[in-house]
Amino acid sequence: MLLGTSRYTCMHELPAVENNLQALQELLQDETLWGLPPENCTVISNPQSSIEMLDPVREAVAAARDTLLVYFAGHGLFDSAASELYLTLPGSDKTRLYTAVRYEHLRNELLDSQARHRIVILDCCHSGRALNVMGDEDNTELVADSAATSGAYVMAAAMKNAMVVGEHSAFTGELIDLIRNGDPDKPEFLTVGMLFKHARAALREKGLPIPQNRERDFGADLPIFRNKGYDKPTKSHYGPVENPKSVVLFASRRELHDAGIHRPLQAGICGTAERGGAESIVVSGGYKDDSDYGSVIIYTGHGGRDPNSGKQIEDQSPKHSGNAALIRNVMTGLPVRVVRGAAGNPEHSPDYGYRYDGLFKVTDYWTKRSVDGPTVLQFRLEKGSDGVDWAGNTAVHRPDIDRWEKISAGVYADIVLSDKLKQLYGYSCQICDVVLEAPGALCLAYTVHVKGLGLPHEGPDTIDNMLCLCSNHRDLFKYGAIIIDDNFQVINQVDGEPFGELTVKHDINKMYLRYHREHHVSLYPRTR
């Protein structure tokens, strides 16, 4: 059942609603997608009365045995005193709620259905406002609660002025896009839950109101459309794209996919650790803890956010596929393609759509407490040179190579200080006291800065911010597998146990040790 009101005498007309109905009817009846027989797909456009709207629903309820889908688009009115949603007719007036149809009447009809699955899609406004006007209070969740029916999956969209995009309303338009084009990263059949999650993620990224949903009896798992993108081959592709200088702005994630730059239509990280690391990422302001400095990006990992509010509510895990992939990039050195979205830092992001900004190297990662509280993973990305220079890079002074060691892009450390510290410890590791010797009386030791140099840490290149370590313990310390407490006890983050005391022959600023601990909060499960 596809219900919609596009023509009004007392409110704004909504031509997008008619487009929604036509597009959904075609997609539902498309044999390559669902193949619903025409006699099973009823369209009621601009019903003049509640009888014209609800009698066909009653007939569908009586006939449906497997799946009943009811869709409504148009203006929606909300009675705050009675907490009731009203679906509008062409003659409805927002000052006279009795001229519209109480949603409760439609809901009661659906409760009588014997269908195994019931899907309700509401693409309308509420809070007593017309489609293009919305108050400060978003009552979408109230609408979803009132819409909930046992054994059903309900989608409810909060409509605002920006939510009419092109020929379709924004919410329905996102559903149509996924049904019509498919998604190569999704399975052969698209479920109800996949449709909703796609729309929600796309609308959030565009800065539009976030839809709500309610589920009963695992309604989200119902396969409903064939995935048109499923048969398209998708191969891993690392490195630059062809002819990067000719690459321009992209209007959508779909265009990025078609250009071979970033394959997923929703996920911000593409690639897996098993294949060598992440292929590409999208930086679009989705995480509050991101920082974009142009040639350096501090990118927050994936996971732990509330799907509706976008707030970080759980710790991120290094085992999540996207995070594990970026950690793998640190080890393999494979660069990632970086795409910036319009919702990111305005100083370095495009005004609209998406822009491919070339290759970045993932040079470091750590943990920190997010602005919302839970722990997040963060990755440092540095701009490479691949013929693409959209990131606003600035010239960096390069010191004499015989005195300075390059740590990262534009960041150098004093070789003399490093050598002085190594000599102080006789080239032995401060953690294990081992001296690594090579033929010719060559001793191998490494210095590491406790508080990292450069963005975002901005630690000093001073002796009190440095340790002398062997190669093994340098890497373990750098990536937070081991930390050092204020008593110079070395602690294994994997099991939380101390395994020795740091050898100390120089002043070490404990403030930097604390900084290191704060940025390497353990995400390992404890053994006891």
Protein backbone atom coordinates (compact mmCIF):
# COMPACT_ATOMS: atom_id res chain seq x y z
CA MET A 1 0.00 0.00 0.00
CA LEU A 2 1.53 3.27 -1.18
CA LEU A 3 -0.34 6.27 0.23
CA GLY A 4 0.55 9.85 -0.45
CA THR A 5 -0.80 13.38 -0.56
CA SER A 6 0.96 15.85 -2.82
CA ARG A 7 -1.79 18.41 -3.58
CA TYR A 8 -3.17 20.68 -0.84
CA THR A 9 -5.60 23.55 -0.60
CA CYS A 10 -4.43 24.88 2.79
CA MET A 11 -0.76 23.81 2.89
CA HIS A 12 2.28 23.70 0.65
CA GLU A 13 2.00 21.30 -2.25
CA LEU A 14 4.51 18.43 -2.32
CA PRO A 15 5.31 17.30 -5.87
CA ALA A 16 8.12 15.14 -4.45
CA VAL A 17 5.47 12.88 -2.88
CA GLU A 18 4.01 11.98 -6.29
CA ASN A 19 7.53 11.19 -7.51
CA ASN A 20 8.06 8.99 -4.45
CA LEU A 21 4.91 6.98 -5.16
CA GLN A 22 5.74 6.45 -8.82
CA ALA A 23 9.34 5.42 -8.14
CA LEU A 24 8.44 3.01 -5.34
CA GLN A 25 5.69 1.42 -7.43
CA GLU A 26 8.16 0.77 -10.26
CA LEU A 27 10.78 -0.66 -7.90
CA LEU A 28 8.32 -2.92 -6.08
CA GLN A 29 7.05 -4.35 -9.36
CA ASP A 30 10.50 -4.68 -10.94
CA GLU A 31 11.07 -8.44 -11.40
CA THR A 32 14.81 -8.03 -10.85
CA LEU A 33 14.22 -6.46 -7.42
CA TRP A 34 11.01 -7.74 -5.81
CA GLY A 35 8.60 -8.63 -8.62
CA LEU A 36 5.42 -7.75 -6.76
CA PRO A 37 2.39 -8.42 -9.00
CA PRO A 38 0.60 -5.18 -10.04
CA GLU A 39 -2.64 -6.33 -8.39
CA ASN A 40 -0.72 -6.61 -5.08
CA CYS A 41 0.69 -3.08 -5.29
CA THR A 42 -1.98 -0.46 -4.66
CA VAL A 43 -1.25 3.26 -4.98
CA ILE A 44 -3.63 5.75 -3.35
CA SER A 45 -2.62 9.24 -4.40
CA ASN A 46 -4.35 12.30 -2.90
CA PRO A 47 -7.24 10.51 -1.16
CA GLN A 48 -10.06 12.94 -0.50
CA SER A 49 -11.30 11.35 2.70
CA SER A 50 -10.34 8.93 5.45
CA ILE A 51 -12.54 6.35 3.73
CA GLU A 52 -10.60 6.69 0.48
CA MET A 53 -7.34 6.29 2.41
CA LEU A 54 -8.22 3.52 4.84
CA ASP A 55 -10.67 1.27 3.00
CA PRO A 56 -7.94 0.05 0.59
CA VAL A 57 -5.71 -0.56 3.61
CA ARG A 58 -8.44 -2.67 5.21
CA GLU A 59 -8.69 -4.74 2.01
CA ALA A 60 -4.89 -5.22 1.92
CA VAL A 61 -4.87 -6.24 5.58
CA ALA A 62 -7.48 -8.90 4.85
CA ALA A 63 -5.57 -10.23 1.82
CA ALA A 64 -1.94 -10.17 3.02
CA ARG A 65 -0.57 -13.38 4.50
CA ASP A 66 3.21 -13.07 4.20
CA THR A 67 4.28 -9.40 3.99
CA LEU A 68 2.27 -6.20 4.29
CA LEU A 69 4.02 -2.93 3.47
CA VAL A 70 2.27 0.39 4.10
CA TYR A 71 3.92 3.64 3.05
CA PHE A 72 2.69 7.19 3.61
CA ALA A 73 4.22 10.46 2.42
CA GLY A 74 2.86 13.95 2.75
CA HIS A 75 2.38 16.58 5.40
CA GLY A 76 2.03 15.22 8.91
CA LEU A 77 0.41 17.01 11.84
CA PHE A 78 1.11 16.37 15.50
CA ASP A 79 -1.29 16.99 18.37
CA SER A 80 1.06 17.58 21.31
CA ALA A 81 -1.78 17.55 23.84
CA ALA A 82 -2.95 14.07 22.85
CA SER A 83 0.45 12.88 21.52
CA GLU A 84 -1.19 11.84 18.28
CA LEU A 85 0.04 11.88 14.71
CA TYR A 86 -2.31 12.89 11.89
CA LEU A 87 -1.86 12.00 8.21
CA THR A 88 -3.04 14.75 5.91
CA LEU A 89 -5.52 14.80 3.02
CA PRO A 90 -5.65 17.41 0.23
CA GLY A 91 -8.17 19.45 2.23
CA SER A 92 -6.41 19.15 5.59
CA ASP A 93 -5.69 22.29 7.57
CA LYS A 94 -3.06 22.34 10.31
CA THR A 95 -5.32 24.58 12.43
CA ARG A 96 -8.13 22.00 12.20
CA LEU A 97 -6.75 18.56 13.04
CA TYR A 98 -10.13 16.95 12.43
CA THR A 99 -9.59 17.56 8.69
CA ALA A 100 -6.76 14.98 8.72
CA VAL A 101 -6.67 11.23 9.45
CA ARG A 102 -5.57 10.04 12.89
CA TYR A 103 -2.66 7.66 12.52
CA GLU A 104 -4.27 5.62 15.29
CA HIS A 105 -6.99 4.61 12.80
CA LEU A 106 -4.41 3.28 10.35
CA ARG A 107 -2.52 1.58 13.16
CA ASN A 108 -5.65 -0.20 14.37
CA GLU A 109 -6.23 -1.61 10.89
CA LEU A 110 -2.66 -2.94 10.81
CA LEU A 111 -3.09 -4.63 14.19
CA ASP A 112 -5.79 -6.83 12.62
CA SER A 113 -3.40 -8.11 9.96
CA GLN A 114 -2.52 -11.80 9.88
CA ALA A 115 0.57 -11.14 7.75
CA ARG A 116 3.82 -12.61 9.08
CA HIS A 117 5.67 -9.36 8.41
CA ARG A 118 4.45 -5.77 8.59
CA ILE A 119 6.49 -2.83 7.39
CA VAL A 120 5.39 0.75 8.00
CA ILE A 121 7.23 3.66 6.39
CA LEU A 122 6.16 7.18 7.43
CA ASP A 123 7.74 10.00 5.45
CA CYS A 124 5.95 12.99 6.92
CA CYS A 125 6.34 15.93 9.27
CA HIS A 126 4.82 16.40 12.71
CA SER A 127 4.91 18.80 15.71
CA GLY A 128 2.00 20.68 14.17
CA ARG A 129 4.17 22.03 11.38
CA ALA A 130 4.04 21.82 7.62
CA LEU A 131 6.77 19.91 5.77
CA ASN A 132 9.18 22.76 5.26
CA VAL A 133 8.79 24.26 8.76
CA MET A 134 9.94 22.45 11.90
CA GLY A 135 10.15 23.58 15.52
CA ASP A 136 13.18 23.25 17.77
CA GLU A 137 11.80 20.09 19.40
CA ASP A 138 12.10 17.02 17.17
CA ASN A 139 9.27 14.64 18.08
CA THR A 140 10.25 11.91 15.66
CA GLU A 141 10.79 9.42 18.47
CA LEU A 142 7.29 10.11 19.79
CA VAL A 143 5.96 9.47 16.31
CA ALA A 144 7.84 6.20 16.11
CA ASP A 145 6.54 5.12 19.50
CA SER A 146 2.96 5.85 18.52
CA ALA A 147 3.49 4.06 15.21
CA ALA A 148 4.85 0.86 16.72
CA THR A 149 2.82 -2.25 15.94
CA SER A 150 3.50 -5.74 17.16
CA GLY A 151 5.40 -7.82 14.62
CA ALA A 152 6.35 -4.82 12.49
CA TYR A 153 9.29 -2.70 11.43
CA VAL A 154 8.45 1.01 11.50
CA MET A 155 10.49 3.80 9.92
CA ALA A 156 9.61 7.40 10.81
CA ALA A 157 11.24 10.43 9.16
CA ALA A 158 11.37 13.91 10.78
CA MET A 159 10.83 16.28 7.87
CA LYS A 160 12.49 19.71 7.66
CA ASN A 161 13.02 22.23 4.91
CA ALA A 162 16.28 20.69 3.75
CA MET A 163 14.73 17.25 3.51
CA VAL A 164 13.23 17.79 0.05
CA VAL A 165 16.18 17.11 -2.21
CA GLY A 166 15.73 17.09 -5.96
CA GLU A 167 12.77 15.13 -7.23
CA HIS A 168 12.21 13.08 -4.06
CA SER A 169 11.84 13.77 -0.36
CA ALA A 170 15.21 13.22 1.31
CA PHE A 171 14.32 10.13 3.37
CA THR A 172 12.47 8.27 0.62
CA GLY A 173 15.10 9.40 -1.87
CA GLU A 174 17.80 7.57 0.08
CA LEU A 175 15.68 4.41 0.17
CA ILE A 176 15.08 4.66 -3.57
CA ASP A 177 18.78 5.17 -4.25
CA LEU A 178 19.78 1.98 -2.46
CA ILE A 179 16.98 -0.10 -3.98
CA ARG A 180 17.61 1.20 -7.48
CA ASN A 181 21.41 1.00 -7.50
CA GLY A 182 22.29 -1.57 -4.84
CA ASP A 183 25.41 -1.68 -2.73
CA PRO A 184 28.42 -3.86 -3.66
CA ASP A 185 29.37 -4.27 0.00
CA LYS A 186 26.01 -5.70 1.03
CA PRO A 187 24.74 -9.29 0.54
CA GLU A 188 22.56 -10.60 -2.27
CA PHE A 189 19.32 -9.47 -0.60
CA LEU A 190 18.71 -6.13 1.10
CA THR A 191 16.86 -6.40 4.39
CA VAL A 192 14.47 -3.87 5.87
CA GLY A 193 17.09 -2.96 8.45
CA MET A 194 19.72 -2.37 5.77
CA LEU A 195 17.43 0.06 3.96
CA PHE A 196 16.83 2.07 7.11
CA LYS A 197 20.49 2.12 8.20
CA HIS A 198 21.54 3.28 4.75
CA ALA A 199 19.06 6.17 4.83
CA ARG A 200 19.96 7.12 8.40
CA ALA A 201 23.72 7.19 7.71
CA ALA A 202 23.30 9.16 4.48
CA LEU A 203 21.02 11.76 6.08
CA ARG A 204 23.30 12.19 9.08
CA GLU A 205 26.31 12.75 6.85
CA LYS A 206 24.38 15.40 4.91
CA GLY A 207 23.41 17.18 8.10
CA LEU A 208 19.70 16.38 7.72
CA PRO A 209 17.29 15.23 10.47
CA ILE A 210 17.87 11.67 11.62
CA PRO A 211 15.02 9.17 11.11
CA GLN A 212 13.92 6.81 13.86
CA ASN A 213 12.83 3.19 13.77
CA ARG A 214 11.01 0.62 15.85
CA GLU A 215 11.28 -3.15 15.45
CA ARG A 216 9.15 -6.03 16.62
CA ASP A 217 9.93 -9.74 16.23
CA PHE A 218 13.17 -9.29 14.25
CA GLY A 219 11.48 -7.33 11.48
CA ALA A 220 14.82 -5.79 10.50
CA ASP A 221 16.10 -9.13 9.23
CA LEU A 222 13.41 -9.53 6.55
CA PRO A 223 15.01 -9.71 3.04
CA ILE A 224 12.91 -7.45 0.86
CA PHE A 225 14.81 -6.45 -2.33
CA ARG A 226 17.51 -8.06 -4.42
CA ASN A 227 20.75 -6.13 -4.22
CA LYS A 228 21.49 -4.81 -7.73
CA GLY A 229 25.08 -4.12 -6.74
CA TYR A 230 25.76 -7.66 -5.52
CA ASP A 231 27.03 -9.13 -8.79
CA LYS A 232 29.40 -6.25 -9.50
CA PRO A 233 33.02 -7.36 -8.95
CA THR A 234 34.87 -5.44 -6.26
CA LYS A 235 38.60 -5.93 -6.00
CA SER A 236 40.98 -4.52 -3.47
CA HIS A 237 42.90 -1.59 -4.90
CA TYR A 238 45.66 0.16 -3.02
CA GLY A 239 47.45 3.29 -4.08
CA PRO A 240 46.51 6.15 -6.40
CA VAL A 241 43.71 6.29 -8.92
CA GLU A 242 44.40 6.75 -12.61
CA ASN A 243 44.82 10.32 -13.85
CA PRO A 244 44.44 11.89 -10.38
CA LYS A 245 44.97 15.41 -11.74
CA SER A 246 41.73 15.09 -13.69
CA VAL A 247 39.71 14.11 -10.63
CA VAL A 248 37.14 16.72 -9.61
CA LEU A 249 34.46 16.98 -6.97
CA PHE A 250 32.03 14.10 -6.53
CA ALA A 251 28.38 14.70 -5.70
CA SER A 252 27.79 11.43 -3.84
CA ARG A 253 29.30 8.29 -2.36
CA ARG A 254 27.95 6.47 -5.41
CA GLU A 255 30.17 8.56 -7.70
CA LEU A 256 33.19 7.86 -5.49
CA HIS A 257 32.44 4.14 -5.78
CA ASP A 258 32.04 4.29 -9.56
CA ALA A 259 35.36 6.15 -9.85
CA GLY A 260 37.15 3.42 -7.86
CA ILE A 261 38.24 5.84 -5.15
CA HIS A 262 36.16 4.68 -2.16
CA ARG A 263 34.02 1.57 -2.63
CA PRO A 264 31.65 1.53 0.39
CA LEU A 265 28.51 3.62 0.11
CA GLN A 266 28.33 4.19 3.87
CA ALA A 267 31.41 2.95 5.74
CA GLY A 268 34.16 5.49 6.27
CA ILE A 269 36.96 2.89 6.11
CA CYS A 270 37.46 0.55 3.15
CA GLY A 271 39.76 -2.48 3.36
CA THR A 272 40.76 -5.21 5.80
CA ALA A 273 43.82 -6.09 7.84
CA GLU A 274 44.00 -9.51 6.15
CA ARG A 275 44.55 -7.88 2.75
CA GLY A 276 47.22 -5.47 3.94
CA GLY A 277 45.27 -2.62 5.46
CA ALA A 278 42.78 0.10 4.59
CA GLU A 279 42.46 1.18 0.96
CA SER A 280 40.64 4.47 1.51
CA ILE A 281 38.87 6.56 4.13
CA VAL A 282 36.34 9.38 4.13
CA VAL A 283 36.89 12.36 6.44
CA SER A 284 33.54 14.08 6.80
CA GLY A 285 33.18 15.38 10.35
CA GLY A 286 31.36 12.30 11.62
CA TYR A 287 33.45 12.03 14.80
CA LYS A 288 33.88 14.97 17.18
CA ASP A 289 37.45 13.97 18.02
CA ASP A 290 38.75 14.27 14.42
CA SER A 291 41.27 17.04 13.70
CA ASP A 292 42.19 18.15 10.18
CA TYR A 293 45.35 20.20 9.75
CA GLY A 294 45.57 19.90 5.96
CA SER A 295 48.72 17.87 5.34
CA VAL A 296 48.17 16.03 8.65
CA ILE A 297 44.88 14.44 9.70
CA ILE A 298 44.04 12.99 13.11
CA TYR A 299 41.38 10.45 12.19
CA THR A 300 39.13 8.78 14.76
CA GLY A 301 38.52 5.07 14.35
CA HIS A 302 35.17 3.34 13.92
CA GLY A 303 32.57 2.09 16.37
CA GLY A 304 30.92 2.88 19.67
CA ARG A 305 28.54 5.61 18.50
CA ASP A 306 24.82 5.70 19.16
CA PRO A 307 23.20 5.18 15.74
CA ASN A 308 20.57 7.86 16.31
CA SER A 309 22.36 10.67 18.16
CA GLY A 310 25.89 10.05 16.85
CA LYS A 311 27.22 10.35 20.43
CA GLN A 312 30.10 8.11 21.51
CA ILE A 313 28.62 5.69 24.06
CA GLU A 314 31.07 2.76 24.02
CA ASP A 315 34.82 2.20 23.79
CA GLN A 316 36.18 1.52 20.33
CA SER A 317 37.96 -1.77 19.71
CA PRO A 318 41.19 -2.34 17.77
CA LYS A 319 39.61 -5.61 16.62
CA HIS A 320 36.91 -3.83 14.62
CA SER A 321 37.64 -4.52 10.94
CA GLY A 322 38.12 -0.87 9.98
CA ASN A 323 40.36 -0.08 12.96
CA ALA A 324 42.36 -3.27 12.49
CA ALA A 325 42.85 -2.33 8.84
CA LEU A 326 44.29 1.11 9.69
CA ILE A 327 46.56 -0.41 12.34
CA ARG A 328 47.80 -2.77 9.65
CA ASN A 329 48.62 0.24 7.44
CA VAL A 330 50.98 1.48 10.14
CA MET A 331 52.85 -1.82 9.96
CA THR A 332 52.79 -2.38 6.18
CA GLY A 333 53.33 1.23 5.14
CA LEU A 334 50.56 0.99 2.53
CA PRO A 335 49.08 4.46 1.92
CA VAL A 336 45.34 5.19 2.00
CA ARG A 337 43.31 7.28 -0.40
CA VAL A 338 41.73 10.15 1.50
CA VAL A 339 38.39 11.67 0.59
CA ARG A 340 37.17 14.80 2.32
CA GLY A 341 33.44 15.50 2.65
CA ALA A 342 31.74 18.87 2.90
CA ALA A 343 30.81 18.28 6.55
CA GLY A 344 34.47 18.22 7.65
CA ASN A 345 36.80 21.04 8.69
CA PRO A 346 35.69 23.94 6.42
CA GLU A 347 39.29 25.12 6.04
CA HIS A 348 40.32 21.92 4.27
CA SER A 349 37.04 20.46 2.97
CA PRO A 350 35.02 21.12 -0.19
CA ASP A 351 31.97 23.36 -0.10
CA TYR A 352 29.75 20.49 -1.21
CA GLY A 353 29.94 16.80 -2.00
CA TYR A 354 33.26 14.95 -1.74
CA ARG A 355 36.81 15.58 -2.96
CA TYR A 356 39.61 13.08 -3.49
CA ASP A 357 42.71 14.48 -1.79
CA GLY A 358 45.28 11.85 -2.75
CA LEU A 359 47.41 9.43 -0.74
CA PHE A 360 48.17 9.72 2.97
CA LYS A 361 50.44 7.49 5.04
CA VAL A 362 49.19 6.14 8.38
CA THR A 363 52.17 6.84 10.63
CA ASP A 364 50.90 6.32 14.18
CA TYR A 365 47.91 5.43 16.34
CA TRP A 366 46.91 5.75 19.98
CA THR A 367 43.90 5.82 22.28
CA LYS A 368 42.27 8.74 24.08
CA ARG A 369 39.14 9.61 25.97
CA SER A 370 36.62 11.04 23.54
CA VAL A 371 34.84 14.32 24.19
CA ASP A 372 31.80 12.16 25.05
CA GLY A 373 33.77 10.04 27.55
CA PRO A 374 34.40 6.54 26.11
CA THR A 375 37.79 5.61 24.66
CA VAL A 376 38.44 6.04 20.95
CA LEU A 377 41.30 5.05 18.66
CA GLN A 378 43.04 7.81 16.73
CA PHE A 379 45.29 7.57 13.69
CA ARG A 380 47.80 10.10 12.38
CA LEU A 381 47.79 10.43 8.58
CA GLU A 382 50.39 12.38 6.64
CA LYS A 383 50.02 13.65 3.07
CA GLY A 384 52.12 11.87 0.48
CA SER A 385 53.08 12.95 -3.02
CA ASP A 386 50.99 11.44 -5.80
CA GLY A 387 50.14 14.34 -8.06
CA VAL A 388 47.09 15.38 -6.04
CA ASP A 389 47.44 18.48 -3.89
CA TRP A 390 44.05 19.67 -2.70
CA ALA A 391 44.87 19.59 1.01
CA GLY A 392 46.28 23.09 1.33
CA ASN A 393 49.81 21.95 2.11
CA THR A 394 52.28 24.63 3.11
CA ALA A 395 56.00 24.70 2.55
CA VAL A 396 57.97 23.20 5.41
CA HIS A 397 61.51 24.20 6.41
CA ARG A 398 63.85 21.23 6.03
CA PRO A 399 66.88 21.45 8.35
CA ASP A 400 70.32 20.22 7.37
CA ILE A 401 70.11 16.47 6.99
CA ASP A 402 73.41 15.81 8.81
CA ARG A 403 72.09 17.24 12.09
CA TRP A 404 68.40 16.35 12.01
CA GLU A 405 66.43 13.13 11.66
CA LYS A 406 63.07 13.30 9.91
CA ILE A 407 60.35 11.97 12.24
CA SER A 408 57.32 12.79 10.08
CA ALA A 409 56.18 15.36 7.54
CA GLY A 410 57.73 18.67 8.63
CA VAL A 411 58.89 17.23 11.98
CA TYR A 412 62.59 16.69 12.75
CA ALA A 413 64.53 15.52 15.81
CA ASP A 414 68.01 16.53 16.90
CA ILE A 415 70.41 13.66 16.14
CA VAL A 416 72.98 15.03 18.63
CA LEU A 417 70.51 14.77 21.53
CA SER A 418 69.56 11.25 20.47
CA ASP A 419 73.20 10.12 20.32
CA LYS A 420 73.96 11.73 23.67
CA LEU A 421 71.19 9.68 25.33
CA LYS A 422 72.35 6.43 23.69
CA GLN A 423 75.89 6.99 24.93
CA LEU A 424 74.62 7.68 28.45
CA TYR A 425 73.06 4.19 28.55
CA GLY A 426 75.88 2.48 26.68
CA TYR A 427 73.39 1.66 23.91
CA SER A 428 71.45 -0.63 26.27
CA CYS A 429 67.65 -0.72 26.42
CA GLN A 430 66.19 0.98 29.48
CA ILE A 431 63.52 -1.74 29.69
CA CYS A 432 65.42 -5.00 29.11
CA ASP A 433 69.06 -3.77 29.50
CA VAL A 434 69.99 -5.65 26.32
CA VAL A 435 72.66 -4.24 24.00
CA LEU A 436 72.10 -5.18 20.37
CA GLU A 437 75.51 -5.64 18.71
CA ALA A 438 76.30 -6.00 15.03
CA PRO A 439 79.61 -6.92 13.33
CA GLY A 440 82.25 -4.23 13.52
CA ALA A 441 81.40 -3.29 17.14
CA LEU A 442 78.25 -1.55 15.95
CA CYS A 443 75.68 -1.15 18.71
CA LEU A 444 72.02 -0.68 17.73
CA ALA A 445 69.83 1.44 19.99
CA TYR A 446 66.90 3.72 19.35
CA THR A 447 65.45 6.76 21.03
CA VAL A 448 61.73 7.33 21.31
CA HIS A 449 59.89 10.47 22.37
CA VAL A 450 57.48 9.79 25.23
CA LYS A 451 55.13 12.57 24.16
CA GLY A 452 55.22 12.47 20.39
CA LEU A 453 56.62 15.27 18.28
CA GLY A 454 54.38 17.16 15.85
CA LEU A 455 50.62 17.24 15.59
CA PRO A 456 48.57 16.58 17.61
CA HIS A 457 50.89 15.88 20.55
CA GLU A 458 53.42 18.70 20.10
CA GLY A 459 55.91 17.11 22.51
CA PRO A 460 59.35 18.73 22.90
CA ASP A 461 62.56 17.38 21.39
CA THR A 462 64.33 17.29 24.75
CA ILE A 463 66.20 14.68 26.77
CA ASP A 464 63.55 14.59 29.51
CA ASN A 465 61.01 13.51 26.85
CA MET A 466 63.13 10.66 25.49
CA LEU A 467 63.92 7.01 26.23
CA CYS A 468 66.70 4.75 24.94
CA LEU A 469 65.21 1.41 23.88
CA CYS A 470 65.89 -1.66 21.77
CA SER A 471 63.89 -2.03 18.56
CA ASN A 472 61.35 -4.40 20.12
CA HIS A 473 60.56 -2.27 23.14
CA ARG A 474 60.63 0.93 21.08
CA ASP A 475 57.73 -0.33 18.96
CA LEU A 476 55.85 -1.82 21.91
CA PHE A 477 56.13 1.48 23.77
CA LYS A 478 55.26 3.57 20.72
CA TYR A 479 52.01 1.72 20.12
CA GLY A 480 51.01 1.44 23.77
CA ALA A 481 51.52 -2.29 24.32
CA ILE A 482 53.68 -1.24 27.28
CA ILE A 483 53.42 1.85 29.48
CA ILE A 484 55.49 3.25 32.35
CA ASP A 485 53.98 4.47 35.62
CA ASP A 486 55.22 7.32 37.80
CA ASN A 487 57.37 4.88 39.80
CA PHE A 488 59.06 3.81 36.54
CA GLN A 489 57.44 0.39 36.62
CA VAL A 490 57.06 -1.02 33.10
CA ILE A 491 53.56 -2.47 32.66
CA ASN A 492 52.41 -4.92 30.04
CA GLN A 493 49.09 -3.60 28.71
CA VAL A 494 48.05 -7.04 27.44
CA ASP A 495 47.65 -8.53 30.91
CA GLY A 496 48.04 -5.44 33.09
CA GLU A 497 51.05 -6.92 34.92
CA PRO A 498 54.34 -5.09 35.63
CA PHE A 499 57.34 -6.97 34.27
CA GLY A 500 60.24 -4.86 35.47
CA GLU A 501 61.56 -1.48 36.47
CA LEU A 502 62.86 1.05 33.99
CA THR A 503 66.58 1.74 34.19
CA VAL A 504 66.87 5.47 34.78
CA LYS A 505 70.08 7.50 34.43
CA HIS A 506 68.58 10.80 33.28
CA ASP A 507 65.69 13.03 34.34
CA ILE A 508 62.41 11.91 32.77
CA ASN A 509 59.47 14.27 32.98
CA LYS A 510 56.65 12.27 34.56
CA MET A 511 54.14 14.62 32.94
CA TYR A 512 55.10 13.10 29.56
CA LEU A 513 54.78 9.56 30.95
CA ARG A 514 51.28 10.41 32.13
CA TYR A 515 50.44 11.84 28.71
CA HIS A 516 51.62 8.61 27.10
CA ARG A 517 49.47 6.53 29.45
CA GLU A 518 46.40 8.69 28.84
CA HIS A 519 46.79 8.24 25.09
CA HIS A 520 47.32 4.51 25.30
CA VAL A 521 44.43 3.39 27.47
CA SER A 522 44.38 -0.41 27.38
CA LEU A 523 41.78 -1.93 25.07
CA TYR A 524 43.03 -5.46 25.70
CA PRO A 525 40.75 -7.86 27.61
CA ARG A 526 42.18 -8.68 31.02
CA THR A 527 43.04 -12.30 31.76
CA ARG A 528 41.86 -11.96 35.35
